[in-house]
C-alpha atoms as a PDB file:
ATOM      1  CA  MET A   1     120.780 215.042 245.140  1.00  0.00           C
ATOM      2  CA  LYS A   2     119.136 212.019 243.604  1.00  0.00           C
ATOM      3  CA  ILE A   3     120.164 210.416 240.312  1.00  0.00           C
ATOM      4  CA  LEU A   4     117.876 208.328 238.112  1.00  0.00           C
ATOM      5  CA  VAL A   5     119.103 205.615 235.746  1.00  0.00           C
ATOM      6  CA  SER A   6     117.483 202.799 233.781  1.00  0.00           C
ATOM      7  CA  PRO A   7     118.098 199.101 234.467  1.00  0.00           C
ATOM      8  CA  ALA A   8     119.813 196.822 231.928  1.00  0.00           C
ATOM      9  CA  LYS A   9     118.657 193.759 230.022  1.00  0.00           C
ATOM     10  CA  SER A  10     122.031 192.025 230.349  1.00  0.00           C
ATOM     11  CA  LEU A  11     122.760 190.677 233.820  1.00  0.00           C
ATOM     12  CA  ASP A  12     125.864 189.681 235.773  1.00  0.00           C
ATOM     13  CA  LEU A  13     125.083 186.686 237.965  1.00  0.00           C
ATOM     14  CA  GLU A  14     128.627 185.442 238.513  1.00  0.00           C
ATOM     15  CA  SER A  15     131.134 188.138 239.558  1.00  0.00           C
ATOM     16  CA  ASP A  16     132.248 188.156 243.186  1.00  0.00           C
ATOM     17  CA  LEU A  17     130.453 190.838 245.174  1.00  0.00           C
ATOM     18  CA  PRO A  18     132.710 193.534 246.688  1.00  0.00           C
ATOM     19  CA  THR A  19     130.405 194.052 249.690  1.00  0.00           C
ATOM     20  CA  LYS A  20     128.066 191.969 251.822  1.00  0.00           C
ATOM     21  CA  LYS A  21     125.751 194.926 252.396  1.00  0.00           C
ATOM     22  CA  ASN A  22     122.237 194.588 251.006  1.00  0.00           C
ATOM     23  CA  THR A  23     118.771 196.065 251.417  1.00  0.00           C
ATOM     24  CA  THR A  24     115.160 195.176 250.619  1.00  0.00           C
ATOM     25  CA  PRO A  25     113.332 196.757 247.660  1.00  0.00           C
ATOM     26  CA  HIS A  26     110.755 199.322 248.783  1.00  0.00           C
ATOM     27  CA  PHE A  27     108.062 197.808 246.561  1.00  0.00           C
ATOM     28  CA  LEU A  28     108.842 194.114 247.031  1.00  0.00           C
ATOM     29  CA  ASP A  29     105.175 193.230 247.634  1.00  0.00           C
ATOM     30  CA  GLU A  30     104.210 194.967 244.394  1.00  0.00           C
ATOM     31  CA  ALA A  31     107.036 193.188 242.543  1.00  0.00           C
ATOM     32  CA  ILE A  32     105.675 189.854 243.786  1.00  0.00           C
ATOM     33  CA  GLN A  33     102.268 190.855 242.462  1.00  0.00           C
ATOM     34  CA  VAL A  34     103.656 191.791 239.040  1.00  0.00           C
ATOM     35  CA  ASN A  35     105.667 188.572 238.833  1.00  0.00           C
ATOM     36  CA  LYS A  36     102.575 186.502 239.626  1.00  0.00           C
ATOM     37  CA  LYS A  37     100.939 188.045 236.580  1.00  0.00           C
ATOM     38  CA  LEU A  38     103.990 187.202 234.467  1.00  0.00           C
ATOM     39  CA  ALA A  39     104.195 183.657 235.852  1.00  0.00           C
ATOM     40  CA  ARG A  40     100.658 182.962 234.597  1.00  0.00           C
ATOM     41  CA  LEU A  41     101.600 183.765 230.998  1.00  0.00           C
ATOM     42  CA  THR A  42     102.340 181.025 228.489  1.00  0.00           C
ATOM     43  CA  LYS A  43     105.598 181.077 226.551  1.00  0.00           C
ATOM     44  CA  LYS A  44     103.755 182.279 223.465  1.00  0.00           C
ATOM     45  CA  GLU A  45     102.131 185.085 225.425  1.00  0.00           C
ATOM     46  CA  ILE A  46     105.528 186.157 226.775  1.00  0.00           C
ATOM     47  CA  SER A  47     107.055 186.064 223.305  1.00  0.00           C
ATOM     48  CA  ASP A  48     104.224 188.119 221.826  1.00  0.00           C
ATOM     49  CA  LEU A  49     104.181 190.591 224.718  1.00  0.00           C
ATOM     50  CA  MET A  50     107.914 191.272 224.684  1.00  0.00           C
ATOM     51  CA  SER A  51     108.803 190.501 221.046  1.00  0.00           C
ATOM     52  CA  ILE A  52     111.742 188.319 222.075  1.00  0.00           C
ATOM     53  CA  SER A  53     113.358 185.189 220.655  1.00  0.00           C
ATOM     54  CA  GLU A  54     112.450 181.640 221.607  1.00  0.00           C
ATOM     55  CA  LYS A  55     115.660 181.334 223.637  1.00  0.00           C
ATOM     56  CA  LEU A  56     114.948 184.514 225.623  1.00  0.00           C
ATOM     57  CA  THR A  57     111.327 183.465 226.041  1.00  0.00           C
ATOM     58  CA  ASP A  58     112.371 180.125 227.572  1.00  0.00           C
ATOM     59  CA  LEU A  59     114.882 181.841 229.875  1.00  0.00           C
ATOM     60  CA  ASN A  60     112.465 184.426 231.182  1.00  0.00           C
ATOM     61  CA  TYR A  61     109.510 182.061 231.430  1.00  0.00           C
ATOM     62  CA  GLN A  62     111.634 179.997 233.823  1.00  0.00           C
ATOM     63  CA  ARG A  63     112.706 183.099 235.751  1.00  0.00           C
ATOM     64  CA  TYR A  64     109.087 184.026 236.389  1.00  0.00           C
ATOM     65  CA  GLN A  65     108.370 180.471 237.567  1.00  0.00           C
ATOM     66  CA  ASP A  66     111.436 180.433 239.834  1.00  0.00           C
ATOM     67  CA  PHE A  67     110.819 183.858 241.411  1.00  0.00           C
ATOM     68  CA  GLU A  68     110.811 183.521 245.199  1.00  0.00           C
ATOM     69  CA  GLU A  69     108.775 185.802 247.435  1.00  0.00           C
ATOM     70  CA  THR A  70     111.482 185.964 250.062  1.00  0.00           C
ATOM     71  CA  LYS A  71     114.683 187.699 249.047  1.00  0.00           C
ATOM     72  CA  GLU A  72     117.862 186.014 250.206  1.00  0.00           C
ATOM     73  CA  PRO A  73     121.507 186.441 249.171  1.00  0.00           C
ATOM     74  CA  GLN A  74     121.287 182.889 247.798  1.00  0.00           C
ATOM     75  CA  ASN A  75     118.604 183.729 245.222  1.00  0.00           C
ATOM     76  CA  SER A  76     119.203 187.451 244.773  1.00  0.00           C
ATOM     77  CA  ARG A  77     121.910 189.997 244.076  1.00  0.00           C
ATOM     78  CA  PRO A  78     122.257 193.752 244.743  1.00  0.00           C
ATOM     79  CA  ALA A  79     120.856 195.623 241.746  1.00  0.00           C
ATOM     80  CA  ILE A  80     123.995 197.679 241.093  1.00  0.00           C
ATOM     81  CA  TYR A  81     126.031 194.481 240.733  1.00  0.00           C
ATOM     82  CA  MET A  82     123.437 192.592 238.690  1.00  0.00           C
ATOM     83  CA  PHE A  83     122.678 195.040 235.889  1.00  0.00           C
ATOM     84  CA  ASP A  84     125.398 194.864 233.255  1.00  0.00           C
ATOM     85  CA  GLY A  85     124.596 197.151 230.292  1.00  0.00           C
ATOM     86  CA  ASP A  86     126.332 200.213 228.854  1.00  0.00           C
ATOM     87  CA  VAL A  87     125.218 202.528 231.673  1.00  0.00           C
ATOM     88  CA  TYR A  88     126.696 200.130 234.215  1.00  0.00           C
ATOM     89  CA  THR A  89     129.969 199.938 232.294  1.00  0.00           C
ATOM     90  CA  GLY A  90     130.163 203.691 232.852  1.00  0.00           C
ATOM     91  CA  ILE A  91     129.359 203.399 236.557  1.00  0.00           C
ATOM     92  CA  ASP A  92     131.927 200.586 236.983  1.00  0.00           C
ATOM     93  CA  ALA A  93     130.398 199.639 240.328  1.00  0.00           C
ATOM     94  CA  TYR A  94     132.915 196.913 241.176  1.00  0.00           C
ATOM     95  CA  THR A  95     135.686 199.518 241.501  1.00  0.00           C
ATOM     96  CA  ILE A  96     133.739 201.921 243.726  1.00  0.00           C
ATOM     97  CA  PRO A  97     135.662 202.314 247.012  1.00  0.00           C
ATOM     98  CA  ASN A  98     133.934 200.881 250.067  1.00  0.00           C
ATOM     99  CA  ASN A  99     133.754 204.300 251.674  1.00  0.00           C
ATOM    100  CA  LYS A 100     131.675 205.535 248.705  1.00  0.00           C
ATOM    101  CA  ILE A 101     129.093 202.727 248.676  1.00  0.00           C
ATOM    102  CA  ASP A 102     126.870 204.377 251.294  1.00  0.00           C
ATOM    103  CA  LYS A 103     126.887 207.579 249.224  1.00  0.00           C
ATOM    104  CA  LEU A 104     125.916 205.613 246.124  1.00  0.00           C
ATOM    105  CA  GLN A 105     123.120 203.951 248.085  1.00  0.00           C
ATOM    106  CA  SER A 106     121.884 207.352 249.229  1.00  0.00           C
ATOM    107  CA  ASP A 107     121.984 209.131 245.860  1.00  0.00           C
ATOM    108  CA  LEU A 108     121.312 206.640 243.057  1.00  0.00           C
ATOM    109  CA  ARG A 109     117.885 205.276 242.132  1.00  0.00           C
ATOM    110  CA  ILE A 110     117.246 202.678 239.428  1.00  0.00           C
ATOM    111  CA  LEU A 111     113.851 202.657 237.725  1.00  0.00           C
ATOM    112  CA  SER A 112     112.485 199.161 237.108  1.00  0.00           C
ATOM    113  CA  GLY A 113     109.546 197.590 235.341  1.00  0.00           C
ATOM    114  CA  LEU A 114     109.345 194.817 237.956  1.00  0.00           C
ATOM    115  CA  TYR A 115     110.431 196.606 241.139  1.00  0.00           C
ATOM    116  CA  GLY A 116     109.340 200.182 240.403  1.00  0.00           C
ATOM    117  CA  ILE A 117     112.340 201.919 241.911  1.00  0.00           C
ATOM    118  CA  LEU A 118     115.474 200.435 243.446  1.00  0.00           C
ATOM    119  CA  LYS A 119     118.366 201.480 245.621  1.00  0.00           C
ATOM    120  CA  PRO A 120     121.737 200.129 244.443  1.00  0.00           C
ATOM    121  CA  LEU A 121     122.037 197.537 247.220  1.00  0.00           C
ATOM    122  CA  ASP A 122     118.464 196.254 246.977  1.00  0.00           C
ATOM    123  CA  LEU A 123     118.457 192.503 246.461  1.00  0.00           C
ATOM    124  CA  ILE A 124     116.730 191.543 243.217  1.00  0.00           C
ATOM    125  CA  GLN A 125     116.217 188.328 241.311  1.00  0.00           C
ATOM    126  CA  PRO A 126     117.021 187.896 237.609  1.00  0.00           C
ATOM    127  CA  TYR A 127     114.222 189.252 235.430  1.00  0.00           C
ATOM    128  CA  ARG A 128     113.328 190.934 232.170  1.00  0.00           C
ATOM    129  CA  LEU A 129     110.486 193.443 232.097  1.00  0.00           C
ATOM    130  CA  GLU A 130     110.847 196.731 230.287  1.00  0.00           C
ATOM    131  CA  MET A 131     108.827 199.673 231.575  1.00  0.00           C
ATOM    132  CA  GLY A 132     107.183 200.113 228.174  1.00  0.00           C
ATOM    133  CA  THR A 133     105.735 196.581 228.221  1.00  0.00           C
ATOM    134  CA  LYS A 134     101.946 196.754 227.837  1.00  0.00           C
ATOM    135  CA  LEU A 135     101.220 194.531 230.814  1.00  0.00           C
ATOM    136  CA  PRO A 136      97.911 195.285 232.571  1.00  0.00           C
ATOM    137  CA  ILE A 137      98.021 195.017 236.373  1.00  0.00           C
ATOM    138  CA  GLN A 138      94.683 195.128 238.213  1.00  0.00           C
ATOM    139  CA  ARG A 139      92.851 198.267 237.045  1.00  0.00           C
ATOM    140  CA  HIS A 140      96.015 199.681 235.477  1.00  0.00           C
ATOM    141  CA  LYS A 141      96.378 199.190 231.736  1.00  0.00           C
ATOM    142  CA  ASN A 142     100.192 199.245 231.758  1.00  0.00           C
ATOM    143  CA  LEU A 143     103.263 199.568 233.969  1.00  0.00           C
ATOM    144  CA  TYR A 144     103.382 203.365 233.666  1.00  0.00           C
ATOM    145  CA  GLU A 145      99.973 203.579 235.300  1.00  0.00           C
ATOM    146  CA  PHE A 146     100.837 200.953 237.898  1.00  0.00           C
ATOM    147  CA  TRP A 147     104.140 202.530 238.961  1.00  0.00           C
ATOM    148  CA  GLY A 148     103.710 206.248 238.217  1.00  0.00           C
ATOM    149  CA  ASP A 149     102.108 207.424 241.467  1.00  0.00           C
ATOM    150  CA  LYS A 150     104.165 205.075 243.611  1.00  0.00           C
ATOM    151  CA  VAL A 151     107.562 205.988 242.165  1.00  0.00           C
ATOM    152  CA  THR A 152     106.874 209.733 242.037  1.00  0.00           C
ATOM    153  CA  LYS A 153     105.623 209.794 245.632  1.00  0.00           C
ATOM    154  CA  THR A 154     108.652 207.857 246.835  1.00  0.00           C
ATOM    155  CA  LEU A 155     111.064 210.298 245.179  1.00  0.00           C
ATOM    156  CA  ASN A 156     109.246 213.275 246.671  1.00  0.00           C
ATOM    157  CA  GLU A 157     109.402 211.700 250.130  1.00  0.00           C
ATOM    158  CA  GLU A 158     113.159 211.265 249.753  1.00  0.00           C
ATOM    159  CA  MET A 159     113.901 214.760 248.424  1.00  0.00           C
ATOM    160  CA  SER A 160     113.542 218.385 249.432  1.00  0.00           C
ATOM    161  CA  SER A 161     112.536 221.186 247.062  1.00  0.00           C
ATOM    162  CA  ASP A 162     116.065 222.617 246.919  1.00  0.00           C
ATOM    163  CA  GLU A 163     117.645 219.318 245.839  1.00  0.00           C
ATOM    164  CA  LEU A 164     118.560 218.343 242.295  1.00  0.00           C
ATOM    165  CA  LEU A 165     117.028 215.337 240.575  1.00  0.00           C
ATOM    166  CA  ILE A 166     119.489 214.295 237.872  1.00  0.00           C
ATOM    167  CA  ASN A 167     117.715 212.364 235.135  1.00  0.00           C
ATOM    168  CA  LEU A 168     120.126 209.942 233.468  1.00  0.00           C
ATOM    169  CA  ALA A 169     117.424 207.429 232.581  1.00  0.00           C
ATOM    170  CA  SER A 170     116.198 206.613 229.087  1.00  0.00           C
ATOM    171  CA  ASN A 171     112.991 208.210 227.828  1.00  0.00           C
ATOM    172  CA  GLU A 172     111.211 204.864 228.141  1.00  0.00           C
ATOM    173  CA  TYR A 173     111.884 204.699 231.860  1.00  0.00           C
ATOM    174  CA  PHE A 174     111.731 208.381 232.728  1.00  0.00           C
ATOM    175  CA  LYS A 175     108.165 208.513 231.367  1.00  0.00           C
ATOM    176  CA  VAL A 176     107.037 206.730 234.540  1.00  0.00           C
ATOM    177  CA  ILE A 177     107.880 209.872 236.538  1.00  0.00           C
ATOM    178  CA  GLN A 178     105.042 212.376 236.878  1.00  0.00           C
ATOM    179  CA  LYS A 179     107.193 215.414 236.166  1.00  0.00           C
ATOM    180  CA  LYS A 180     104.636 218.013 237.227  1.00  0.00           C
ATOM    181  CA  GLU A 181     104.436 216.414 240.659  1.00  0.00           C
ATOM    182  CA  ILE A 182     108.187 216.363 241.336  1.00  0.00           C
ATOM    183  CA  LYS A 183     109.081 219.071 243.843  1.00  0.00           C
ATOM    184  CA  ALA A 184     112.856 218.999 243.296  1.00  0.00           C
ATOM    185  CA  LYS A 185     114.686 220.760 240.458  1.00  0.00           C
ATOM    186  CA  LEU A 186     114.945 218.427 237.483  1.00  0.00           C
ATOM    187  CA  VAL A 187     118.145 218.351 235.409  1.00  0.00           C
ATOM    188  CA  SER A 188     118.406 216.124 232.315  1.00  0.00           C
ATOM    189  CA  PRO A 189     121.963 216.098 230.881  1.00  0.00           C
ATOM    190  CA  VAL A 190     122.396 215.546 227.136  1.00  0.00           C
ATOM    191  CA  PHE A 191     125.453 213.875 225.580  1.00  0.00           C
ATOM    192  CA  LYS A 192     126.432 214.513 221.964  1.00  0.00           C
ATOM    193  CA  ASP A 193     129.253 213.257 219.776  1.00  0.00           C
ATOM    194  CA  PHE A 194     130.594 214.552 216.481  1.00  0.00           C
ATOM    195  CA  LYS A 195     129.697 212.255 213.595  1.00  0.00           C
ATOM    196  CA  ASN A 196     130.266 213.217 209.962  1.00  0.00           C
ATOM    197  CA  GLY A 197     130.996 216.744 211.078  1.00  0.00           C
ATOM    198  CA  LYS A 198     127.761 217.124 213.059  1.00  0.00           C
ATOM    199  CA  LEU A 199     126.880 216.817 216.730  1.00  0.00           C
ATOM    200  CA  LYS A 200     124.460 213.969 217.373  1.00  0.00           C
ATOM    201  CA  ILE A 201     123.155 211.902 220.237  1.00  0.00           C
ATOM    202  CA  ILE A 202     124.576 208.427 219.564  1.00  0.00           C
ATOM    203  CA  SER A 203     122.697 205.935 221.725  1.00  0.00           C
ATOM    204  CA  PHE A 204     125.613 203.611 222.572  1.00  0.00           C
ATOM    205  CA  PHE A 205     127.904 206.471 223.619  1.00  0.00           C
ATOM    206  CA  ALA A 206     125.138 208.359 225.429  1.00  0.00           C
ATOM    207  CA  LYS A 207     124.264 205.319 227.551  1.00  0.00           C
ATOM    208  CA  LYS A 208     127.837 204.873 228.723  1.00  0.00           C
ATOM    209  CA  ALA A 209     128.145 208.626 229.327  1.00  0.00           C
ATOM    210  CA  ARG A 210     125.115 208.525 231.624  1.00  0.00           C
ATOM    211  CA  GLY A 211     126.852 205.905 233.723  1.00  0.00           C
ATOM    212  CA  SER A 212     130.111 207.835 233.646  1.00  0.00           C
ATOM    213  CA  MET A 213     128.300 210.899 234.964  1.00  0.00           C
ATOM    214  CA  VAL A 214     126.951 208.840 237.869  1.00  0.00           C
ATOM    215  CA  ARG A 215     130.527 207.840 238.636  1.00  0.00           C
ATOM    216  CA  PHE A 216     131.752 211.432 238.276  1.00  0.00           C
ATOM    217  CA  ILE A 217     129.118 212.672 240.735  1.00  0.00           C
ATOM    218  CA  LEU A 218     130.156 209.981 243.194  1.00  0.00           C
ATOM    219  CA  ASP A 219     133.917 210.471 242.732  1.00  0.00           C
ATOM    220  CA  HIS A 220     133.761 214.263 243.071  1.00  0.00           C
ATOM    221  CA  ASN A 221     130.877 214.549 245.555  1.00  0.00           C
ATOM    222  CA  ALA A 222     129.051 216.821 243.103  1.00  0.00           C
ATOM    223  CA  GLN A 223     126.204 218.706 244.772  1.00  0.00           C
ATOM    224  CA  SER A 224     125.215 221.525 242.412  1.00  0.00           C
ATOM    225  CA  LEU A 225     124.578 222.223 238.754  1.00  0.00           C
ATOM    226  CA  ASN A 226     127.917 224.009 238.564  1.00  0.00           C
ATOM    227  CA  ASP A 227     129.600 220.878 239.936  1.00  0.00           C
ATOM    228  CA  LEU A 228     127.822 218.853 237.267  1.00  0.00           C
ATOM    229  CA  LYS A 229     129.102 221.122 234.497  1.00  0.00           C
ATOM    230  CA  LYS A 230     132.654 220.102 235.407  1.00  0.00           C
ATOM    231  CA  PHE A 231     131.973 216.578 234.117  1.00  0.00           C
ATOM    232  CA  ASP A 232     134.910 215.567 231.919  1.00  0.00           C
ATOM    233  CA  TYR A 233     134.948 211.767 231.877  1.00  0.00           C
ATOM    234  CA  ASP A 234     135.369 209.936 228.557  1.00  0.00           C
ATOM    235  CA  GLY A 235     136.457 213.152 226.856  1.00  0.00           C
ATOM    236  CA  TYR A 236     133.163 215.045 227.293  1.00  0.00           C
ATOM    237  CA  GLN A 237     133.031 218.753 228.100  1.00  0.00           C
ATOM    238  CA  TYR A 238     130.154 221.044 228.994  1.00  0.00           C
ATOM    239  CA  SER A 239     129.115 223.219 226.039  1.00  0.00           C
ATOM    240  CA  GLU A 240     127.531 226.535 226.922  1.00  0.00           C
ATOM    241  CA  ALA A 241     126.962 227.221 223.226  1.00  0.00           C
ATOM    242  CA  GLU A 242     124.980 224.004 222.699  1.00  0.00           C
ATOM    243  CA  THR A 243     123.003 224.363 225.940  1.00  0.00           C
ATOM    244  CA  LYS A 244     119.702 226.092 225.215  1.00  0.00           C
ATOM    245  CA  ASN A 245     118.041 225.272 228.525  1.00  0.00           C
ATOM    246  CA  GLU A 246     119.792 225.230 231.913  1.00  0.00           C
ATOM    247  CA  SER A 247     117.815 222.149 232.908  1.00  0.00           C
ATOM    248  CA  GLU A 248     119.221 220.269 229.883  1.00  0.00           C
ATOM    249  CA  PRO A 249     122.988 220.904 229.974  1.00  0.00           C
ATOM    250  CA  VAL A 250     124.753 219.611 226.861  1.00  0.00           C
ATOM    251  CA  PHE A 251     128.073 217.793 226.989  1.00  0.00           C
ATOM    252  CA  ILE A 252     130.010 217.216 223.787  1.00  0.00           C
ATOM    253  CA  ARG A 253     133.142 215.481 222.541  1.00  0.00           C
END
């Protein structure tokens, strides 16, 4: 089983790391290439490209300038401990037992605008680059074109046809995957909450639920779709009535 999640814009650069284990991103050379393109942009170009504030523009302009081509623990941090958004609140990586870290490293993959695809322990430097950013790289008009073949091929190399690929990434990031080329069985869980008497996908809750499902899979060594349907963290329950397609199981609360 492989699990896909999105990265986060908010970063944790301070918390003590629970492990000294780390690995090298598969597409580090490509990340260096993308960063070189970013480092050549002016602050105005960055602001216009990403539609961000002056403060965020200054911060990320400096990050692109400071990016080092060699990854070291002194200038980098494992991805799972750097990303700090709602999904990562659900994963709660700092409380994962040491004997589960290798399993997390094996199963979880983080899609990234800068690095393409990451394993949890891959050392990364602070950055901001959403997959939907219209940044041309060489002959590619955007990041989807630049990363699509590379990321899809890497997943296929890591998986067999009888494995499950659990998509817990946002639509923006999952679009980089060439679905027709994926040989594994794709499962995209859906999380809905009651609001004003109706079931709806509420973005904030759904993001955290995606992370909680990652943690559930890890905690319970889930291997099959039936295992996945037992997900009950944060008060969610599988709903057969709401599930119209087996590949899109619906969880409600």
